[in-house]
Amino acid sequence: MSCVEAVPDIGVRSVLLAFDFSEASEKSLHHALAISRHYGAKFYLAHVVSHLGYTIAGPETLQLATEQTQRDAKQLEQKLLESGALAGLQYEFILRVGDVWEQLKVVMREKQVDLVVTGTHGRGGLGKLLLGSTAEQIFRCADCFVDTVGPGSYKDSLAERTHVVRPFLFATDFGTASLRALPYAISFANHFGARFVVLHVLPVAPIREGFHWSTTGDLMQMREEARIACQKQFEELILAHAPTATKPELLVEFGIPSEQILLASHTLQADLIFLGLNRPAHIGTTSHMPWAVAYKVVCGAHCPVLTIRN
């Protein structure tokens, strides 16, 4: 039985920006504001003063850090008001103290957040996301859509485009997580009127069933057989469940998944990349699309990456 659900009508009523007041987070701020304005959504900017590091220094140091952050937030709010960035928007700046991920999780639940926007420095390594391990938890564990704006992402947001929207790229392994994410990806593509391209990456040398190393396999023939099998999965699992107004296109590549996803997105000049992820049992658990693959895509993409958790 297929696990593909009916295509929902996506509405974004609330957008939460996980912000750390760094220069690198300015791009994600711009994207979050544009998305909020496009959907008429309420905009939340949340910053959590982490108690880690202040425990030894004492409560007075934590209090000073909190007061400084409050001043920074006021200055930012004033700057955005003067520039007109907040004009016509319902918004709220939220400051919390404690464990960053735990506090953000509470805010997401209290405000019934539909979409979280965060950023990444893209320096490599699991701890180098904009908010460190917290962003990793947002990326993999949030119960809503997560839009990650990498260092190479466009400065302007998709929601601001006045010209024709470029293709949306949906990377899939035809597994449960990606198929459950599919209807939402299609809905976003329909909303923006974007061309919808489905990418499936196969090993450089796909081994067919019954293959034995004692025989000499023709690589081109093996790839063609794998491509045909992929086309069949595409037709059965995706085309059969896509709305008639949607015409998904299949792209099959061979190689390392993260590299091929990035190459395809650059070739297509994609405006958005979709990745379906499973909720991990713990932070070290590999999802259907390994964390290393998703992380490399987020850090190397020239456009935002929208992750949809199973």
Protein backbone atom coordinates (compact mmCIF):
# COMPACT_ATOMS: atom_id res chain seq x y z
CA MET A 1 0.00 0.00 0.00
CA SER A 2 1.29 3.44 -0.88
CA CYS A 3 2.06 5.84 1.95
CA VAL A 4 1.51 8.87 -0.27
CA GLU A 5 -1.22 11.09 1.17
CA ALA A 6 -3.57 13.48 -0.61
CA VAL A 7 -2.03 16.81 -1.55
CA PRO A 8 -2.96 19.29 1.20
CA ASP A 9 -3.66 22.98 0.79
CA ILE A 10 -0.64 24.44 2.55
CA GLY A 11 -1.25 27.53 4.62
CA VAL A 12 1.47 29.16 6.71
CA ARG A 13 -0.10 31.11 9.57
CA SER A 14 2.94 31.52 11.79
CA VAL A 15 6.68 31.77 11.09
CA LEU A 16 9.35 31.43 13.77
CA LEU A 17 12.87 32.69 13.17
CA ALA A 18 15.53 31.13 15.42
CA PHE A 19 17.88 34.11 15.70
CA ASP A 20 21.27 34.59 17.35
CA PHE A 21 22.05 38.24 16.49
CA SER A 22 25.08 37.26 14.42
CA GLU A 23 25.90 38.78 11.04
CA ALA A 24 25.33 35.39 9.43
CA SER A 25 21.73 35.33 10.67
CA GLU A 26 20.75 38.49 8.76
CA LYS A 27 19.99 36.52 5.60
CA SER A 28 17.64 34.14 7.41
CA LEU A 29 15.92 37.19 8.98
CA HIS A 30 15.25 38.61 5.53
CA HIS A 31 13.83 35.30 4.29
CA ALA A 32 11.62 34.83 7.37
CA LEU A 33 10.14 38.33 7.03
CA ALA A 34 9.44 37.85 3.32
CA ILE A 35 7.72 34.51 3.91
CA SER A 36 5.61 35.99 6.71
CA ARG A 37 4.51 38.86 4.50
CA HIS A 38 3.76 36.56 1.54
CA TYR A 39 1.45 34.31 3.58
CA GLY A 40 0.10 37.00 5.89
CA ALA A 41 1.56 34.98 8.75
CA LYS A 42 2.44 36.17 12.22
CA PHE A 43 6.19 36.61 12.59
CA TYR A 44 8.02 35.46 15.69
CA LEU A 45 11.68 36.14 16.34
CA ALA A 46 13.01 33.96 19.14
CA HIS A 47 16.33 34.09 20.89
CA VAL A 48 17.30 31.94 23.86
CA VAL A 49 20.07 33.00 26.20
CA SER A 50 21.73 29.69 26.91
CA HIS A 51 22.43 29.02 30.56
CA LEU A 52 25.35 26.82 29.53
CA GLY A 53 28.64 28.54 30.25
CA TYR A 54 27.08 30.88 32.78
CA THR A 55 26.52 28.28 35.47
CA ILE A 56 30.12 28.43 36.65
CA ALA A 57 30.37 32.19 36.17
CA GLY A 58 27.35 32.71 38.38
CA PRO A 59 23.82 34.12 38.09
CA GLU A 60 25.02 37.72 37.85
CA THR A 61 26.82 37.00 34.57
CA LEU A 62 23.72 35.31 33.15
CA GLN A 63 21.63 38.31 34.20
CA LEU A 64 24.02 40.70 32.44
CA ALA A 65 23.92 38.60 29.27
CA THR A 66 20.12 38.57 29.37
CA GLU A 67 19.93 42.34 29.81
CA GLN A 68 22.33 42.88 26.91
CA THR A 69 20.24 40.60 24.70
CA GLN A 70 17.12 42.55 25.63
CA ARG A 71 18.82 45.76 24.50
CA ASP A 72 19.96 44.10 21.27
CA ALA A 73 16.41 42.91 20.59
CA LYS A 74 15.00 46.39 21.16
CA GLN A 75 17.57 47.90 18.81
CA LEU A 76 16.80 45.33 16.13
CA GLU A 77 13.06 45.89 16.47
CA GLN A 78 13.54 49.65 16.13
CA LYS A 79 15.75 49.19 13.10
CA LEU A 80 13.18 46.95 11.40
CA LEU A 81 10.35 49.38 12.20
CA GLU A 82 12.27 52.33 10.78
CA SER A 83 13.10 50.42 7.60
CA GLY A 84 9.50 49.36 7.13
CA ALA A 85 10.38 45.65 7.31
CA LEU A 86 7.71 45.08 9.97
CA ALA A 87 5.08 47.33 8.42
CA GLY A 88 1.71 45.61 8.27
CA LEU A 89 2.99 42.47 9.98
CA GLN A 90 1.80 40.98 13.23
CA TYR A 91 4.98 40.19 15.09
CA GLU A 92 6.41 39.26 18.46
CA PHE A 93 9.99 39.17 19.73
CA ILE A 94 10.54 36.38 22.23
CA LEU A 95 13.44 36.14 24.66
CA ARG A 96 13.91 33.06 26.82
CA VAL A 97 16.63 31.81 29.16
CA GLY A 98 17.62 28.15 29.54
CA ASP A 99 18.38 25.21 27.30
CA VAL A 100 18.10 26.61 23.77
CA TRP A 101 16.39 23.69 22.03
CA GLU A 102 14.04 22.97 24.92
CA GLN A 103 12.94 26.61 25.06
CA LEU A 104 12.48 26.85 21.30
CA LYS A 105 10.45 23.66 21.34
CA VAL A 106 8.15 25.19 23.95
CA VAL A 107 7.75 28.34 21.86
CA MET A 108 6.91 26.28 18.76
CA ARG A 109 4.21 24.47 20.69
CA GLU A 110 2.80 27.56 22.43
CA LYS A 111 2.64 29.62 19.25
CA GLN A 112 1.54 26.70 17.03
CA VAL A 113 4.35 27.45 14.60
CA ASP A 114 3.90 26.22 11.02
CA LEU A 115 7.37 27.06 9.70
CA VAL A 116 10.75 27.57 11.35
CA VAL A 117 13.48 29.51 9.57
CA THR A 118 17.09 29.06 10.60
CA GLY A 119 20.53 29.54 9.09
CA THR A 120 23.92 27.91 8.85
CA HIS A 121 27.51 29.12 8.54
CA GLY A 122 28.25 26.02 6.46
CA ARG A 123 31.76 25.52 7.84
CA GLY A 124 31.45 21.75 7.93
CA GLY A 125 31.09 19.40 10.86
CA LEU A 126 28.02 18.59 12.91
CA GLY A 127 28.53 21.43 15.37
CA LYS A 128 28.90 24.27 12.89
CA LEU A 129 25.29 25.18 12.21
CA LEU A 130 24.35 28.72 13.09
CA LEU A 131 22.91 27.70 16.44
CA GLY A 132 25.27 24.77 16.94
CA SER A 133 23.69 21.52 18.04
CA THR A 134 20.40 23.37 18.55
CA ALA A 135 20.02 24.01 14.83
CA GLU A 136 20.71 20.34 14.26
CA GLN A 137 17.79 19.53 16.55
CA ILE A 138 15.55 22.05 14.79
CA PHE A 139 16.54 20.63 11.42
CA ARG A 140 15.83 17.04 12.39
CA CYS A 141 13.28 17.09 15.21
CA ALA A 142 10.89 20.03 14.74
CA ASP A 143 7.28 19.01 14.20
CA CYS A 144 6.79 21.63 11.50
CA PHE A 145 8.45 22.64 8.23
CA VAL A 146 12.02 23.89 8.58
CA ASP A 147 13.48 26.30 6.04
CA THR A 148 17.29 26.37 6.34
CA VAL A 149 19.04 29.28 4.67
CA GLY A 150 22.64 28.35 3.94
CA PRO A 151 25.60 30.67 3.36
CA GLY A 152 25.28 30.30 -0.41
CA SER A 153 21.52 30.88 -0.57
CA TYR A 154 20.03 33.66 -2.63
CA LYS A 155 19.78 36.94 -0.75
CA ASP A 156 16.24 37.49 -1.94
CA SER A 157 13.51 35.16 -0.78
CA LEU A 158 11.38 32.97 -3.03
CA ALA A 159 8.37 34.84 -1.62
CA GLU A 160 9.69 38.09 -3.12
CA ARG A 161 10.18 36.86 -6.68
CA THR A 162 8.60 39.07 -9.30
CA HIS A 163 9.93 36.99 -12.21
CA VAL A 164 9.06 33.40 -13.09
CA VAL A 165 9.84 31.03 -10.23
CA ARG A 166 12.60 28.57 -11.02
CA PRO A 167 12.20 24.77 -10.51
CA PHE A 168 11.68 23.10 -7.15
CA LEU A 169 13.86 20.01 -6.64
CA PHE A 170 12.51 17.10 -4.61
CA ALA A 171 15.22 14.56 -3.72
CA THR A 172 13.82 11.13 -2.89
CA ASP A 173 14.86 7.55 -2.28
CA PHE A 174 11.20 6.43 -2.64
CA GLY A 175 11.24 5.59 1.07
CA THR A 176 8.45 6.23 3.58
CA ALA A 177 9.74 9.59 4.83
CA SER A 178 10.17 11.16 1.41
CA LEU A 179 6.84 9.82 0.13
CA ARG A 180 5.05 11.32 3.12
CA ALA A 181 6.77 14.62 2.41
CA LEU A 182 5.82 14.48 -1.28
CA PRO A 183 2.27 15.94 -1.03
CA TYR A 184 3.55 18.97 0.86
CA ALA A 185 6.34 19.52 -1.64
CA ILE A 186 3.82 19.35 -4.51
CA SER A 187 1.53 21.76 -2.68
CA PHE A 188 4.34 24.32 -2.30
CA ALA A 189 5.25 23.92 -5.97
CA ASN A 190 1.63 24.46 -7.02
CA HIS A 191 1.33 27.49 -4.75
CA PHE A 192 4.27 29.21 -6.43
CA GLY A 193 3.59 27.81 -9.90
CA ALA A 194 7.00 26.13 -10.01
CA ARG A 195 8.23 23.32 -12.21
CA PHE A 196 8.50 20.20 -10.00
CA VAL A 197 11.53 17.96 -10.56
CA VAL A 198 11.95 14.66 -8.72
CA LEU A 199 15.55 13.50 -8.30
CA HIS A 200 16.60 9.95 -7.47
CA VAL A 201 20.31 9.20 -7.08
CA LEU A 202 21.57 5.68 -7.73
CA PRO A 203 24.99 4.15 -7.01
CA VAL A 204 27.65 4.62 -9.68
CA ALA A 205 27.44 0.90 -10.40
CA PRO A 206 23.89 -0.25 -9.56
CA ILE A 207 23.96 -4.00 -8.83
CA ARG A 208 20.94 -5.78 -10.28
CA GLU A 209 19.28 -8.69 -8.54
CA GLY A 210 21.00 -11.98 -9.28
CA PHE A 211 24.27 -10.30 -10.24
CA HIS A 212 27.39 -12.36 -9.51
CA TRP A 213 30.93 -11.04 -9.53
CA SER A 214 32.08 -14.07 -11.50
CA THR A 215 30.29 -12.63 -14.52
CA THR A 216 31.27 -9.49 -16.34
CA GLY A 217 28.54 -6.87 -16.06
CA ASP A 218 28.04 -4.15 -18.60
CA LEU A 219 27.93 -0.89 -16.62
CA MET A 220 25.81 0.95 -19.19
CA GLN A 221 23.33 -1.90 -19.32
CA MET A 222 23.15 -2.07 -15.52
CA ARG A 223 22.50 1.65 -15.35
CA GLU A 224 19.81 1.47 -18.01
CA GLU A 225 18.05 -1.36 -16.15
CA ALA A 226 18.26 0.64 -12.92
CA ARG A 227 16.89 3.72 -14.68
CA ILE A 228 13.93 1.74 -16.04
CA ALA A 229 13.20 0.35 -12.55
CA CYS A 230 13.39 3.87 -11.17
CA GLN A 231 10.98 5.14 -13.83
CA LYS A 232 8.51 2.43 -12.81
CA GLN A 233 8.72 3.47 -9.14
CA PHE A 234 8.26 7.08 -10.16
CA GLU A 235 5.13 6.30 -12.14
CA GLU A 236 3.62 4.07 -9.44
CA LEU A 237 4.52 6.07 -6.34
CA ILE A 238 4.55 9.66 -7.55
CA LEU A 239 2.83 10.20 -10.90
CA ALA A 240 -0.13 8.09 -9.86
CA HIS A 241 -0.72 10.25 -6.79
CA ALA A 242 0.07 13.70 -8.18
CA PRO A 243 -2.82 16.04 -9.04
CA THR A 244 -3.62 16.23 -12.75
CA ALA A 245 -2.53 19.89 -12.75
CA THR A 246 0.92 18.85 -11.56
CA LYS A 247 3.42 17.33 -13.97
CA PRO A 248 6.36 16.00 -11.96
CA GLU A 249 9.50 15.32 -13.97
CA LEU A 250 11.94 12.54 -13.14
CA LEU A 251 15.68 13.03 -13.06
CA VAL A 252 17.90 10.00 -12.42
CA GLU A 253 21.58 10.48 -11.64
CA PHE A 254 24.41 8.18 -10.58
CA GLY A 255 26.94 9.02 -7.90
CA ILE A 256 27.18 10.39 -4.38
CA PRO A 257 23.72 11.64 -3.26
CA SER A 258 24.78 14.97 -1.73
CA GLU A 259 26.96 15.86 -4.71
CA GLN A 260 24.29 14.93 -7.25
CA ILE A 261 21.58 16.84 -5.39
CA LEU A 262 23.73 19.97 -5.33
CA LEU A 263 24.77 19.52 -8.96
CA ALA A 264 21.16 19.09 -10.07
CA SER A 265 20.02 22.13 -8.09
CA HIS A 266 22.76 24.25 -9.67
CA THR A 267 22.03 22.96 -13.17
CA LEU A 268 18.32 23.65 -12.76
CA GLN A 269 18.99 26.90 -10.88
CA ALA A 270 16.43 25.62 -8.39
CA ASP A 271 14.63 28.04 -6.11
CA LEU A 272 14.02 25.43 -3.41
CA ILE A 273 15.23 21.95 -2.45
CA PHE A 274 12.96 19.55 -0.55
CA LEU A 275 14.25 16.77 1.71
CA GLY A 276 12.07 14.32 3.62
CA LEU A 277 13.51 13.23 6.97
CA ASN A 278 12.55 10.71 9.61
CA ARG A 279 12.39 11.71 13.25
CA PRO A 280 15.56 10.27 14.82
CA ALA A 281 15.32 8.19 17.99
CA HIS A 282 18.33 10.18 19.16
CA ILE A 283 20.66 12.72 17.59
CA GLY A 284 23.05 10.09 16.28
CA THR A 285 20.42 8.07 14.45
CA THR A 286 20.67 7.99 10.67
CA SER A 287 17.44 9.00 8.94
CA HIS A 288 16.25 7.74 5.56
CA MET A 289 18.45 10.43 4.07
CA PRO A 290 21.63 10.23 6.17
CA TRP A 291 22.38 13.29 8.27
CA ALA A 292 25.70 13.74 6.50
CA VAL A 293 23.90 13.95 3.15
CA ALA A 294 21.29 16.43 4.36
CA TYR A 295 23.92 18.53 6.10
CA LYS A 296 26.12 18.75 3.01
CA VAL A 297 23.13 19.77 0.91
CA VAL A 298 22.13 22.49 3.39
CA CYS A 299 25.67 23.86 3.56
CA GLY A 300 26.36 23.71 -0.17
CA ALA A 301 23.02 24.74 -1.65
CA HIS A 302 22.61 28.05 -3.46
CA CYS A 303 18.94 28.12 -2.42
CA PRO A 304 17.06 27.40 0.82
CA VAL A 305 16.43 23.78 1.80
CA LEU A 306 12.97 22.90 3.11
CA THR A 307 12.95 19.81 5.28
CA ILE A 308 9.73 17.98 6.03
CA ARG A 309 9.89 15.46 8.83
CA ASN A 310 7.97 12.21 8.72
